[in-house]
C-alpha atoms as a PDB file:
ATOM      1  CA  MET A   1     -63.736 133.668-104.632  1.00  0.00           C
ATOM      2  CA  LYS A   2     -65.561 135.174-107.610  1.00  0.00           C
ATOM      3  CA  THR A   3     -65.814 138.944-108.126  1.00  0.00           C
ATOM      4  CA  LYS A   4     -69.323 140.375-107.852  1.00  0.00           C
ATOM      5  CA  ILE A   5     -70.244 142.660-110.752  1.00  0.00           C
ATOM      6  CA  THR A   6     -73.420 144.120-112.233  1.00  0.00           C
ATOM      7  CA  VAL A   7     -73.798 143.901-115.998  1.00  0.00           C
ATOM      8  CA  ALA A   8     -76.592 145.654-117.901  1.00  0.00           C
ATOM      9  CA  LEU A   9     -77.506 144.345-121.345  1.00  0.00           C
ATOM     10  CA  THR A  10     -79.910 144.975-124.203  1.00  0.00           C
ATOM     11  CA  GLY A  11     -81.011 142.459-126.837  1.00  0.00           C
ATOM     12  CA  LEU A  12     -83.494 140.549-124.658  1.00  0.00           C
ATOM     13  CA  ASN A  13     -85.594 139.511-127.641  1.00  0.00           C
ATOM     14  CA  ASN A  14     -85.333 135.735-128.110  1.00  0.00           C
ATOM     15  CA  THR A  15     -87.867 134.939-130.849  1.00  0.00           C
ATOM     16  CA  ASP A  16     -87.258 133.653-134.406  1.00  0.00           C
ATOM     17  CA  ASN A  17     -85.178 136.807-134.988  1.00  0.00           C
ATOM     18  CA  PRO A  18     -83.262 136.682-131.705  1.00  0.00           C
ATOM     19  CA  GLY A  19     -81.209 139.384-130.082  1.00  0.00           C
ATOM     20  CA  PRO A  20     -77.773 138.472-128.681  1.00  0.00           C
ATOM     21  CA  GLY A  21     -78.732 139.288-125.078  1.00  0.00           C
ATOM     22  CA  VAL A  22     -79.593 135.817-123.762  1.00  0.00           C
ATOM     23  CA  PRO A  23     -76.520 133.998-125.178  1.00  0.00           C
ATOM     24  CA  VAL A  24     -74.254 136.832-124.013  1.00  0.00           C
ATOM     25  CA  ILE A  25     -75.748 136.543-120.519  1.00  0.00           C
ATOM     26  CA  ARG A  26     -75.262 132.757-120.558  1.00  0.00           C
ATOM     27  CA  GLY A  27     -71.585 133.248-121.350  1.00  0.00           C
ATOM     28  CA  ILE A  28     -71.139 135.811-118.568  1.00  0.00           C
ATOM     29  CA  ARG A  29     -72.953 133.590-116.061  1.00  0.00           C
ATOM     30  CA  GLU A  30     -70.577 130.731-116.912  1.00  0.00           C
ATOM     31  CA  SER A  31     -67.566 132.896-116.046  1.00  0.00           C
ATOM     32  CA  GLU A  32     -64.919 131.357-113.825  1.00  0.00           C
ATOM     33  CA  ILE A  33     -64.040 134.684-112.211  1.00  0.00           C
ATOM     34  CA  PHE A  34     -67.274 136.728-112.093  1.00  0.00           C
ATOM     35  CA  ASP A  35     -70.386 136.375-109.954  1.00  0.00           C
ATOM     36  CA  PRO A  36     -72.667 138.543-112.096  1.00  0.00           C
ATOM     37  CA  ARG A  37     -75.922 140.295-111.327  1.00  0.00           C
ATOM     38  CA  ILE A  38     -77.708 140.829-114.636  1.00  0.00           C
ATOM     39  CA  ILE A  39     -79.818 143.894-115.410  1.00  0.00           C
ATOM     40  CA  GLY A  40     -81.930 143.603-118.534  1.00  0.00           C
ATOM     41  CA  LEU A  41     -82.645 146.738-120.550  1.00  0.00           C
ATOM     42  CA  ALA A  42     -85.876 146.200-122.502  1.00  0.00           C
ATOM     43  CA  TYR A  43     -87.245 148.272-125.365  1.00  0.00           C
ATOM     44  CA  GLU A  44     -90.532 146.345-125.441  1.00  0.00           C
ATOM     45  CA  ASN A  45     -92.463 144.688-122.625  1.00  0.00           C
ATOM     46  CA  LEU A  46     -92.799 141.343-124.434  1.00  0.00           C
ATOM     47  CA  GLU A  47     -89.106 140.603-124.849  1.00  0.00           C
ATOM     48  CA  PRO A  48     -88.900 137.015-123.529  1.00  0.00           C
ATOM     49  CA  ALA A  49     -85.745 137.359-121.401  1.00  0.00           C
ATOM     50  CA  ILE A  50     -87.561 139.862-119.158  1.00  0.00           C
ATOM     51  CA  TYR A  51     -89.529 136.956-117.713  1.00  0.00           C
ATOM     52  CA  MET A  52     -86.634 134.461-117.644  1.00  0.00           C
ATOM     53  CA  HIS A  53     -85.751 135.064-114.006  1.00  0.00           C
ATOM     54  CA  ARG A  54     -82.847 132.624-113.979  1.00  0.00           C
ATOM     55  CA  VAL A  55     -81.325 134.624-116.817  1.00  0.00           C
ATOM     56  CA  VAL A  56     -82.141 138.228-115.862  1.00  0.00           C
ATOM     57  CA  ASP A  57     -82.190 139.413-112.239  1.00  0.00           C
ATOM     58  CA  LYS A  58     -83.869 142.787-112.813  1.00  0.00           C
ATOM     59  CA  THR A  59     -85.338 144.506-115.855  1.00  0.00           C
ATOM     60  CA  TYR A  60     -85.787 148.176-116.663  1.00  0.00           C
ATOM     61  CA  GLN A  61     -87.668 149.542-119.635  1.00  0.00           C
ATOM     62  CA  VAL A  62     -85.681 151.990-121.774  1.00  0.00           C
ATOM     63  CA  PRO A  63     -86.710 154.296-124.647  1.00  0.00           C
ATOM     64  CA  TYR A  64     -85.943 153.434-128.256  1.00  0.00           C
ATOM     65  CA  PRO A  65     -82.761 155.002-129.698  1.00  0.00           C
ATOM     66  CA  SER A  66     -84.999 156.717-132.258  1.00  0.00           C
ATOM     67  CA  GLU A  67     -86.289 158.948-129.444  1.00  0.00           C
ATOM     68  CA  GLY A  68     -82.820 160.491-129.251  1.00  0.00           C
ATOM     69  CA  SER A  69     -79.399 159.527-127.939  1.00  0.00           C
ATOM     70  CA  GLY A  70     -79.743 161.852-124.957  1.00  0.00           C
ATOM     71  CA  VAL A  71     -83.080 160.371-123.901  1.00  0.00           C
ATOM     72  CA  LEU A  72     -81.699 156.810-123.953  1.00  0.00           C
ATOM     73  CA  VAL A  73     -78.445 157.669-122.165  1.00  0.00           C
ATOM     74  CA  ASN A  74     -80.246 159.742-119.526  1.00  0.00           C
ATOM     75  CA  ARG A  75     -82.472 156.760-118.781  1.00  0.00           C
ATOM     76  CA  ILE A  76     -79.373 154.567-118.350  1.00  0.00           C
ATOM     77  CA  LEU A  77     -77.860 157.135-115.976  1.00  0.00           C
ATOM     78  CA  GLU A  78     -81.146 157.331-114.062  1.00  0.00           C
ATOM     79  CA  ILE A  79     -81.117 153.533-113.628  1.00  0.00           C
ATOM     80  CA  HIS A  80     -77.436 153.663-112.635  1.00  0.00           C
ATOM     81  CA  LYS A  81     -78.179 156.076-109.765  1.00  0.00           C
ATOM     82  CA  LYS A  82     -80.593 153.660-108.096  1.00  0.00           C
ATOM     83  CA  ASP A  83     -79.024 150.398-109.291  1.00  0.00           C
ATOM     84  CA  PRO A  84     -75.281 150.882-110.001  1.00  0.00           C
ATOM     85  CA  ILE A  85     -74.016 149.336-113.251  1.00  0.00           C
ATOM     86  CA  ASP A  86     -70.408 148.183-113.635  1.00  0.00           C
ATOM     87  CA  VAL A  87     -70.496 147.188-117.319  1.00  0.00           C
ATOM     88  CA  LEU A  88     -72.963 148.040-120.088  1.00  0.00           C
ATOM     89  CA  VAL A  89     -73.191 145.670-123.082  1.00  0.00           C
ATOM     90  CA  PRO A  90     -75.232 147.044-126.024  1.00  0.00           C
ATOM     91  CA  ASN A  91     -76.323 144.264-128.385  1.00  0.00           C
ATOM     92  CA  TYR A  92     -78.086 146.098-131.226  1.00  0.00           C
ATOM     93  CA  ASP A  93     -76.543 148.028-134.127  1.00  0.00           C
ATOM     94  CA  ALA A  94     -79.160 150.798-133.960  1.00  0.00           C
ATOM     95  CA  GLU A  95     -78.356 151.733-130.353  1.00  0.00           C
ATOM     96  CA  LEU A  96     -74.570 151.844-130.743  1.00  0.00           C
ATOM     97  CA  TYR A  97     -74.605 155.456-132.009  1.00  0.00           C
ATOM     98  CA  ALA A  98     -76.053 156.646-128.702  1.00  0.00           C
ATOM     99  CA  PHE A  99     -73.532 154.755-126.575  1.00  0.00           C
ATOM    100  CA  MET A 100     -70.496 155.560-128.759  1.00  0.00           C
ATOM    101  CA  ARG A 101     -71.277 159.281-128.660  1.00  0.00           C
ATOM    102  CA  SER A 102     -71.846 159.155-124.911  1.00  0.00           C
ATOM    103  CA  SER A 103     -68.963 156.861-123.969  1.00  0.00           C
ATOM    104  CA  GLU A 104     -67.172 159.588-121.979  1.00  0.00           C
ATOM    105  CA  ILE A 105     -70.355 160.490-120.080  1.00  0.00           C
ATOM    106  CA  LEU A 106     -70.904 156.838-119.207  1.00  0.00           C
ATOM    107  CA  GLU A 107     -67.246 156.423-118.212  1.00  0.00           C
ATOM    108  CA  GLN A 108     -67.405 159.460-115.917  1.00  0.00           C
ATOM    109  CA  ALA A 109     -70.501 157.986-114.266  1.00  0.00           C
ATOM    110  CA  GLY A 110     -68.595 154.746-113.622  1.00  0.00           C
ATOM    111  CA  ILE A 111     -70.241 152.655-116.360  1.00  0.00           C
ATOM    112  CA  LYS A 112     -67.702 150.703-118.429  1.00  0.00           C
ATOM    113  CA  THR A 113     -68.262 149.708-122.054  1.00  0.00           C
ATOM    114  CA  PHE A 114     -66.156 147.987-124.687  1.00  0.00           C
ATOM    115  CA  ILE A 115     -67.572 149.007-128.051  1.00  0.00           C
ATOM    116  CA  PRO A 116     -66.166 150.237-131.384  1.00  0.00           C
ATOM    117  CA  THR A 117     -65.225 153.849-131.978  1.00  0.00           C
ATOM    118  CA  LEU A 118     -67.522 155.979-134.126  1.00  0.00           C
ATOM    119  CA  GLU A 119     -64.940 155.912-136.936  1.00  0.00           C
ATOM    120  CA  GLN A 120     -64.723 152.099-136.835  1.00  0.00           C
ATOM    121  CA  PHE A 121     -68.504 151.821-136.816  1.00  0.00           C
ATOM    122  CA  GLU A 122     -68.953 154.140-139.798  1.00  0.00           C
ATOM    123  CA  GLU A 123     -66.266 152.786-142.097  1.00  0.00           C
ATOM    124  CA  ARG A 124     -67.614 149.200-142.009  1.00  0.00           C
ATOM    125  CA  HIS A 125     -71.194 150.341-142.589  1.00  0.00           C
ATOM    126  CA  LYS A 126     -73.020 148.562-145.418  1.00  0.00           C
ATOM    127  CA  ALA A 127     -73.136 151.780-147.429  1.00  0.00           C
ATOM    128  CA  ASN A 128     -69.355 152.216-147.039  1.00  0.00           C
ATOM    129  CA  LEU A 129     -68.342 148.580-147.549  1.00  0.00           C
ATOM    130  CA  PRO A 130     -66.845 149.055-151.064  1.00  0.00           C
ATOM    131  CA  GLU A 131     -64.516 151.791-149.768  1.00  0.00           C
ATOM    132  CA  PHE A 132     -63.697 149.610-146.754  1.00  0.00           C
ATOM    133  CA  GLY A 133     -62.691 146.800-149.117  1.00  0.00           C
ATOM    134  CA  LYS A 134     -60.436 149.089-151.148  1.00  0.00           C
ATOM    135  CA  LYS A 135     -58.815 150.584-148.053  1.00  0.00           C
ATOM    136  CA  TYR A 136     -57.922 147.223-146.508  1.00  0.00           C
ATOM    137  CA  ASP A 137     -57.497 145.190-149.726  1.00  0.00           C
ATOM    138  CA  LEU A 138     -60.465 142.881-149.122  1.00  0.00           C
ATOM    139  CA  LEU A 139     -62.898 141.173-151.483  1.00  0.00           C
ATOM    140  CA  VAL A 140     -66.253 142.966-151.250  1.00  0.00           C
ATOM    141  CA  PRO A 141     -69.251 142.684-153.605  1.00  0.00           C
ATOM    142  CA  PHE A 142     -70.060 145.771-155.657  1.00  0.00           C
ATOM    143  CA  SER A 143     -72.785 147.811-153.969  1.00  0.00           C
ATOM    144  CA  LYS A 144     -74.390 151.235-153.976  1.00  0.00           C
ATOM    145  CA  SER A 145     -76.887 153.163-151.868  1.00  0.00           C
ATOM    146  CA  ILE A 146     -80.184 154.413-153.261  1.00  0.00           C
ATOM    147  CA  THR A 147     -82.560 156.925-151.730  1.00  0.00           C
ATOM    148  CA  GLY A 148     -85.471 156.996-154.175  1.00  0.00           C
ATOM    149  CA  THR A 149     -87.631 154.627-156.222  1.00  0.00           C
ATOM    150  CA  ASP A 150     -86.643 156.436-159.419  1.00  0.00           C
ATOM    151  CA  GLU A 151     -83.165 154.912-159.070  1.00  0.00           C
ATOM    152  CA  ILE A 152     -84.474 151.344-159.207  1.00  0.00           C
ATOM    153  CA  LYS A 153     -84.959 151.335-163.003  1.00  0.00           C
ATOM    154  CA  LYS A 154     -81.314 152.271-163.511  1.00  0.00           C
ATOM    155  CA  LEU A 155     -79.970 149.343-161.451  1.00  0.00           C
ATOM    156  CA  ALA A 156     -79.917 147.049-164.482  1.00  0.00           C
ATOM    157  CA  ASP A 157     -77.175 149.269-165.974  1.00  0.00           C
ATOM    158  CA  GLU A 158     -74.824 148.395-163.078  1.00  0.00           C
ATOM    159  CA  PHE A 159     -76.064 145.086-161.660  1.00  0.00           C
ATOM    160  CA  ASP A 160     -77.049 141.668-162.919  1.00  0.00           C
ATOM    161  CA  TYR A 161     -80.112 140.027-161.407  1.00  0.00           C
ATOM    162  CA  PRO A 162     -80.527 138.527-158.864  1.00  0.00           C
ATOM    163  CA  LEU A 163     -79.202 141.162-156.479  1.00  0.00           C
ATOM    164  CA  MET A 164     -79.414 141.864-152.750  1.00  0.00           C
ATOM    165  CA  VAL A 165     -81.583 144.628-151.244  1.00  0.00           C
ATOM    166  CA  LYS A 166     -80.497 145.568-147.709  1.00  0.00           C
ATOM    167  CA  GLY A 167     -81.515 147.915-144.909  1.00  0.00           C
ATOM    168  CA  LYS A 168     -78.935 150.183-143.297  1.00  0.00           C
ATOM    169  CA  PHE A 169     -79.141 148.268-139.994  1.00  0.00           C
ATOM    170  CA  TYR A 170     -80.991 145.005-140.610  1.00  0.00           C
ATOM    171  CA  ASP A 171     -82.880 142.970-143.220  1.00  0.00           C
ATOM    172  CA  ALA A 172     -81.602 141.589-146.517  1.00  0.00           C
ATOM    173  CA  TYR A 173     -83.655 140.258-149.425  1.00  0.00           C
ATOM    174  CA  LEU A 174     -82.772 138.602-152.715  1.00  0.00           C
ATOM    175  CA  ALA A 175     -84.525 140.238-155.681  1.00  0.00           C
ATOM    176  CA  TYR A 176     -84.827 138.641-159.125  1.00  0.00           C
ATOM    177  CA  ASN A 177     -86.383 141.615-160.921  1.00  0.00           C
ATOM    178  CA  GLU A 178     -87.210 145.301-160.669  1.00  0.00           C
ATOM    179  CA  GLU A 179     -90.649 144.665-159.175  1.00  0.00           C
ATOM    180  CA  GLN A 180     -89.154 142.668-156.305  1.00  0.00           C
ATOM    181  CA  VAL A 181     -86.556 145.385-155.670  1.00  0.00           C
ATOM    182  CA  ARG A 182     -89.370 147.929-155.386  1.00  0.00           C
ATOM    183  CA  MET A 183     -91.317 145.694-152.977  1.00  0.00           C
ATOM    184  CA  HIS A 184     -88.279 145.127-150.726  1.00  0.00           C
ATOM    185  CA  TYR A 185     -87.303 148.804-150.954  1.00  0.00           C
ATOM    186  CA  ASN A 186     -90.713 149.883-149.618  1.00  0.00           C
ATOM    187  CA  LYS A 187     -90.613 147.307-146.830  1.00  0.00           C
ATOM    188  CA  ILE A 188     -87.106 148.325-145.713  1.00  0.00           C
ATOM    189  CA  THR A 189     -87.648 152.093-145.844  1.00  0.00           C
ATOM    190  CA  ALA A 190     -90.835 151.775-143.795  1.00  0.00           C
ATOM    191  CA  LYS A 191     -88.898 149.950-141.106  1.00  0.00           C
ATOM    192  CA  TRP A 192     -85.352 151.344-141.186  1.00  0.00           C
ATOM    193  CA  GLY A 193     -85.472 154.478-143.322  1.00  0.00           C
ATOM    194  CA  LEU A 194     -82.934 155.493-145.951  1.00  0.00           C
ATOM    195  CA  PRO A 195     -80.594 154.690-147.552  1.00  0.00           C
ATOM    196  CA  VAL A 196     -81.297 151.247-148.983  1.00  0.00           C
ATOM    197  CA  ILE A 197     -78.212 149.324-150.081  1.00  0.00           C
ATOM    198  CA  ILE A 198     -78.149 147.386-153.344  1.00  0.00           C
ATOM    199  CA  GLN A 199     -75.446 144.716-153.389  1.00  0.00           C
ATOM    200  CA  GLU A 200     -74.093 142.335-156.000  1.00  0.00           C
ATOM    201  CA  PHE A 201     -75.191 138.750-155.336  1.00  0.00           C
ATOM    202  CA  ILE A 202     -72.249 136.384-154.845  1.00  0.00           C
ATOM    203  CA  LYS A 203     -73.082 132.736-155.395  1.00  0.00           C
ATOM    204  CA  GLY A 204     -71.452 130.384-152.913  1.00  0.00           C
ATOM    205  CA  THR A 205     -71.581 129.068-149.347  1.00  0.00           C
ATOM    206  CA  GLU A 206     -72.567 131.426-146.526  1.00  0.00           C
ATOM    207  CA  VAL A 207     -70.173 131.300-143.577  1.00  0.00           C
ATOM    208  CA  ASN A 208     -69.715 133.472-140.485  1.00  0.00           C
ATOM    209  CA  VAL A 209     -67.095 134.365-137.904  1.00  0.00           C
ATOM    210  CA  VAL A 210     -67.661 135.733-134.395  1.00  0.00           C
ATOM    211  CA  ALA A 211     -64.624 137.629-133.132  1.00  0.00           C
ATOM    212  CA  LEU A 212     -63.405 139.912-130.369  1.00  0.00           C
ATOM    213  CA  GLY A 213     -60.739 142.585-130.834  1.00  0.00           C
ATOM    214  CA  ASP A 214     -58.859 144.328-128.019  1.00  0.00           C
ATOM    215  CA  GLY A 215     -58.719 147.730-129.731  1.00  0.00           C
ATOM    216  CA  LYS A 216     -54.956 147.459-130.271  1.00  0.00           C
ATOM    217  CA  GLY A 217     -54.984 145.160-133.286  1.00  0.00           C
ATOM    218  CA  ASN A 218     -54.989 141.867-131.409  1.00  0.00           C
ATOM    219  CA  THR A 219     -57.555 139.095-131.815  1.00  0.00           C
ATOM    220  CA  ILE A 220     -58.754 137.878-128.428  1.00  0.00           C
ATOM    221  CA  GLY A 221     -60.872 135.157-129.957  1.00  0.00           C
ATOM    222  CA  ALA A 222     -62.460 134.058-133.242  1.00  0.00           C
ATOM    223  CA  VAL A 223     -64.694 131.111-134.124  1.00  0.00           C
ATOM    224  CA  PRO A 224     -65.910 130.381-137.680  1.00  0.00           C
ATOM    225  CA  MET A 225     -69.130 128.525-138.419  1.00  0.00           C
ATOM    226  CA  ARG A 226     -71.392 127.436-141.260  1.00  0.00           C
ATOM    227  CA  LYS A 227     -75.169 127.771-140.991  1.00  0.00           C
ATOM    228  CA  GLN A 228     -76.848 124.374-141.053  1.00  0.00           C
ATOM    229  CA  TYR A 229     -80.431 125.626-141.022  1.00  0.00           C
ATOM    230  CA  ILE A 230     -81.594 129.112-141.991  1.00  0.00           C
ATOM    231  CA  THR A 231     -84.997 130.631-141.161  1.00  0.00           C
ATOM    232  CA  ASP A 232     -87.117 132.585-143.630  1.00  0.00           C
ATOM    233  CA  LYS A 233     -85.609 135.715-142.061  1.00  0.00           C
ATOM    234  CA  GLY A 234     -82.119 134.536-142.971  1.00  0.00           C
ATOM    235  CA  LYS A 235     -81.172 133.767-139.354  1.00  0.00           C
ATOM    236  CA  ALA A 236     -79.122 130.743-138.363  1.00  0.00           C
ATOM    237  CA  TRP A 237     -81.262 128.225-136.476  1.00  0.00           C
ATOM    238  CA  SER A 238     -78.436 125.717-136.466  1.00  0.00           C
ATOM    239  CA  GLY A 239     -74.712 125.957-137.142  1.00  0.00           C
ATOM    240  CA  ILE A 240     -71.438 124.085-136.829  1.00  0.00           C
ATOM    241  CA  THR A 241     -67.900 125.266-136.053  1.00  0.00           C
ATOM    242  CA  LEU A 242     -65.406 124.928-138.912  1.00  0.00           C
ATOM    243  CA  ASP A 243     -61.716 124.244-139.264  1.00  0.00           C
ATOM    244  CA  ASP A 244     -60.938 127.021-141.744  1.00  0.00           C
ATOM    245  CA  PRO A 245     -57.527 128.750-141.450  1.00  0.00           C
ATOM    246  CA  ASN A 246     -58.415 131.153-144.305  1.00  0.00           C
ATOM    247  CA  MET A 247     -61.452 132.508-142.450  1.00  0.00           C
ATOM    248  CA  LEU A 248     -59.417 132.944-139.277  1.00  0.00           C
ATOM    249  CA  GLU A 249     -56.561 134.657-141.136  1.00  0.00           C
ATOM    250  CA  LEU A 250     -59.000 137.055-142.810  1.00  0.00           C
ATOM    251  CA  THR A 251     -60.572 137.867-139.440  1.00  0.00           C
ATOM    252  CA  ARG A 252     -57.220 138.502-137.762  1.00  0.00           C
ATOM    253  CA  ARG A 253     -56.153 140.726-140.666  1.00  0.00           C
ATOM    254  CA  ILE A 254     -59.287 142.861-140.372  1.00  0.00           C
ATOM    255  CA  LEU A 255     -58.985 143.201-136.584  1.00  0.00           C
ATOM    256  CA  GLU A 256     -55.305 144.071-136.897  1.00  0.00           C
ATOM    257  CA  LYS A 257     -55.727 146.673-139.640  1.00  0.00           C
ATOM    258  CA  THR A 258     -58.783 148.348-138.115  1.00  0.00           C
ATOM    259  CA  LYS A 259     -57.651 147.964-134.485  1.00  0.00           C
ATOM    260  CA  TRP A 260     -61.208 146.845-133.839  1.00  0.00           C
ATOM    261  CA  ARG A 261     -62.523 147.379-130.318  1.00  0.00           C
ATOM    262  CA  GLY A 262     -65.205 144.961-129.161  1.00  0.00           C
ATOM    263  CA  GLY A 263     -67.280 142.204-130.678  1.00  0.00           C
ATOM    264  CA  MET A 264     -67.681 141.642-134.400  1.00  0.00           C
ATOM    265  CA  GLU A 265     -69.464 139.280-136.751  1.00  0.00           C
ATOM    266  CA  LEU A 266     -68.182 138.726-140.268  1.00  0.00           C
ATOM    267  CA  GLU A 267     -70.773 137.549-142.771  1.00  0.00           C
ATOM    268  CA  LEU A 268     -68.915 135.924-145.641  1.00  0.00           C
ATOM    269  CA  VAL A 269     -69.606 134.025-148.840  1.00  0.00           C
ATOM    270  CA  LYS A 270     -67.089 131.433-149.961  1.00  0.00           C
ATOM    271  CA  SER A 271     -67.249 131.408-153.765  1.00  0.00           C
ATOM    272  CA  HIS A 272     -66.771 128.365-155.986  1.00  0.00           C
ATOM    273  CA  LYS A 273     -63.192 129.566-156.495  1.00  0.00           C
ATOM    274  CA  ASN A 274     -62.727 129.350-152.703  1.00  0.00           C
ATOM    275  CA  GLU A 275     -62.528 133.143-152.426  1.00  0.00           C
ATOM    276  CA  LEU A 276     -63.942 134.815-149.313  1.00  0.00           C
ATOM    277  CA  TYR A 277     -66.193 137.812-150.009  1.00  0.00           C
ATOM    278  CA  ILE A 278     -67.197 140.075-147.115  1.00  0.00           C
ATOM    279  CA  ILE A 279     -70.952 140.577-147.319  1.00  0.00           C
ATOM    280  CA  GLU A 280     -71.422 142.411-144.013  1.00  0.00           C
ATOM    281  CA  ILE A 281     -69.467 143.351-140.909  1.00  0.00           C
ATOM    282  CA  ASN A 282     -71.741 143.554-137.880  1.00  0.00           C
ATOM    283  CA  PRO A 283     -70.270 145.748-135.110  1.00  0.00           C
ATOM    284  CA  ARG A 284     -71.298 143.602-132.146  1.00  0.00           C
ATOM    285  CA  ILE A 285     -71.526 140.047-130.866  1.00  0.00           C
ATOM    286  CA  PRO A 286     -74.068 137.987-132.841  1.00  0.00           C
ATOM    287  CA  ALA A 287     -76.975 135.962-131.449  1.00  0.00           C
ATOM    288  CA  TRP A 288     -75.148 132.670-132.132  1.00  0.00           C
ATOM    289  CA  VAL A 289     -72.205 133.572-129.859  1.00  0.00           C
ATOM    290  CA  TYR A 290     -73.036 130.774-127.419  1.00  0.00           C
ATOM    291  CA  LEU A 291     -71.668 128.349-130.016  1.00  0.00           C
ATOM    292  CA  ALA A 292     -68.263 129.978-129.451  1.00  0.00           C
ATOM    293  CA  VAL A 293     -68.699 129.565-125.683  1.00  0.00           C
ATOM    294  CA  GLY A 294     -69.588 125.909-126.175  1.00  0.00           C
ATOM    295  CA  ALA A 295     -66.554 125.449-128.422  1.00  0.00           C
ATOM    296  CA  GLY A 296     -64.197 126.779-125.754  1.00  0.00           C
ATOM    297  CA  GLN A 297     -64.049 130.550-126.290  1.00  0.00           C
ATOM    298  CA  ASN A 298     -66.119 132.518-123.771  1.00  0.00           C
ATOM    299  CA  LEU A 299     -66.077 135.790-125.701  1.00  0.00           C
ATOM    300  CA  PRO A 300     -68.800 137.501-123.590  1.00  0.00           C
ATOM    301  CA  GLU A 301     -66.710 136.962-120.443  1.00  0.00           C
ATOM    302  CA  ALA A 302     -63.582 138.191-122.220  1.00  0.00           C
ATOM    303  CA  MET A 303     -65.382 141.344-123.381  1.00  0.00           C
ATOM    304  CA  VAL A 304     -66.479 142.158-119.832  1.00  0.00           C
ATOM    305  CA  LYS A 305     -62.880 141.689-118.657  1.00  0.00           C
ATOM    306  CA  LEU A 306     -61.658 144.069-121.374  1.00  0.00           C
ATOM    307  CA  ALA A 307     -64.286 146.637-120.360  1.00  0.00           C
ATOM    308  CA  LEU A 308     -63.005 146.478-116.778  1.00  0.00           C
ATOM    309  CA  GLY A 309     -59.394 146.934-117.924  1.00  0.00           C
ATOM    310  CA  MET A 310     -58.358 143.433-116.932  1.00  0.00           C
ATOM    311  CA  GLU A 311     -55.663 141.452-118.711  1.00  0.00           C
ATOM    312  CA  VAL A 312     -57.102 139.019-121.250  1.00  0.00           C
ATOM    313  CA  LYS A 313     -55.074 136.276-122.883  1.00  0.00           C
ATOM    314  CA  PRO A 314     -56.106 135.472-126.479  1.00  0.00           C
ATOM    315  CA  TYR A 315     -57.820 132.161-127.088  1.00  0.00           C
ATOM    316  CA  GLU A 316     -55.644 129.923-129.218  1.00  0.00           C
ATOM    317  CA  THR A 317     -57.961 126.981-129.912  1.00  0.00           C
ATOM    318  CA  TYR A 318     -61.620 125.980-130.180  1.00  0.00           C
ATOM    319  CA  GLU A 319     -63.421 122.702-130.787  1.00  0.00           C
ATOM    320  CA  VAL A 320     -64.229 121.934-134.414  1.00  0.00           C
ATOM    321  CA  GLY A 321     -67.515 120.164-135.163  1.00  0.00           C
ATOM    322  CA  LYS A 322     -69.446 121.699-132.270  1.00  0.00           C
ATOM    323  CA  MET A 323     -73.068 122.411-133.241  1.00  0.00           C
ATOM    324  CA  PHE A 324     -75.835 124.626-131.939  1.00  0.00           C
ATOM    325  CA  ILE A 325     -79.524 124.050-132.543  1.00  0.00           C
ATOM    326  CA  ARG A 326     -82.108 126.605-131.427  1.00  0.00           C
ATOM    327  CA  TYR A 327     -85.491 125.540-130.116  1.00  0.00           C
ATOM    328  CA  SER A 328     -88.798 127.118-129.120  1.00  0.00           C
ATOM    329  CA  TYR A 329     -89.894 127.081-125.485  1.00  0.00           C
ATOM    330  CA  ASP A 330     -93.220 128.143-123.977  1.00  0.00           C
ATOM    331  CA  LEU A 331     -92.425 130.461-121.080  1.00  0.00           C
ATOM    332  CA  ILE A 332     -95.253 130.780-118.562  1.00  0.00           C
ATOM    333  CA  THR A 333     -95.451 134.027-116.618  1.00  0.00           C
ATOM    334  CA  ASP A 334     -98.086 136.071-114.806  1.00  0.00           C
ATOM    335  CA  LEU A 335    -100.062 139.033-116.114  1.00  0.00           C
ATOM    336  CA  LYS A 336     -99.093 140.906-112.946  1.00  0.00           C
ATOM    337  CA  GLU A 337     -95.443 140.910-114.058  1.00  0.00           C
ATOM    338  CA  PHE A 338     -96.374 142.281-117.475  1.00  0.00           C
ATOM    339  CA  GLU A 339     -98.524 144.990-115.849  1.00  0.00           C
ATOM    340  CA  LYS A 340     -95.780 145.933-113.387  1.00  0.00           C
ATOM    341  CA  LEU A 341     -93.225 146.440-116.161  1.00  0.00           C
ATOM    342  CA  SER A 342     -95.760 148.367-118.276  1.00  0.00           C
ATOM    343  CA  THR A 343     -96.769 150.733-115.475  1.00  0.00           C
ATOM    344  CA  LEU A 344     -93.599 151.117-113.395  1.00  0.00           C
ATOM    345  CA  GLY A 345     -90.978 150.575-116.117  1.00  0.00           C
ATOM    346  CA  GLU A 346     -89.149 147.942-114.084  1.00  0.00           C
ATOM    347  CA  LEU A 347     -89.559 144.367-112.928  1.00  0.00           C
END
């Protein structure tokens, strides 16, 4: 008999720049040991998963993290009082600060999480990636943070064009000249604020790894993939699992040295010399995680088990050559549902 649990998740956006919520939910629903009730936590009332009633059982609207960590956490606790939550799974980088800082408060209330520590989150940050590379002896492109447009002219002294212009949480653009850097800088600061990260462009093949660490240095699971089709926002619309021992060894080394706790995505570039450069380390499960589930590693289920303190055996294999292909789907709903969420804050 399966164990009944209630899991609350964010990341319900499922557009051309999808959040990880829906694929994480799919993995949890396919669990062999859990009978989950899914609570969706929505930041906006047009996030598609809100209205996917076979995916999400109940939705509550929550305030943006930018309104303050306390405001967001208090809303979660308010929901918990009327609709008890067993496990909370945050799926966005920007909200992790609030939940990491409030992990003890959530734990005392009976809400389990399995997320990185504040120290782990900070040291892999885009702005700190060069120091991270030096500390753990990893190949990382040269990068620096800038906080003003006056610094853009000086970039040519340290970088060759093209170069990457990145936001502190999301967005990355390739710039071929100073004018393009300025354009991307303005776009990123308007959306994500400062600093903006300038990174050396490494020519090669983009590859990724989704992984789960147990917080003690062990790798519970890891699946590498190559993007087959990339959208204009740089998101994988199709991908295929790879047989690449070097990518897996690099992932295990990082999880072991950092004692990483929770989900992780490594964004890598394999150079023409077959060297693996770490471009980004995302501190949560990525939106393409269902490929790992389909290849034999149900990482969302394993993360919930870790959050509940259950024993989890590491995955040892996965299927190579498994592909995912995203598709668009017209979801029909009723205006009354939209109005109910907008006025009452729940659906």
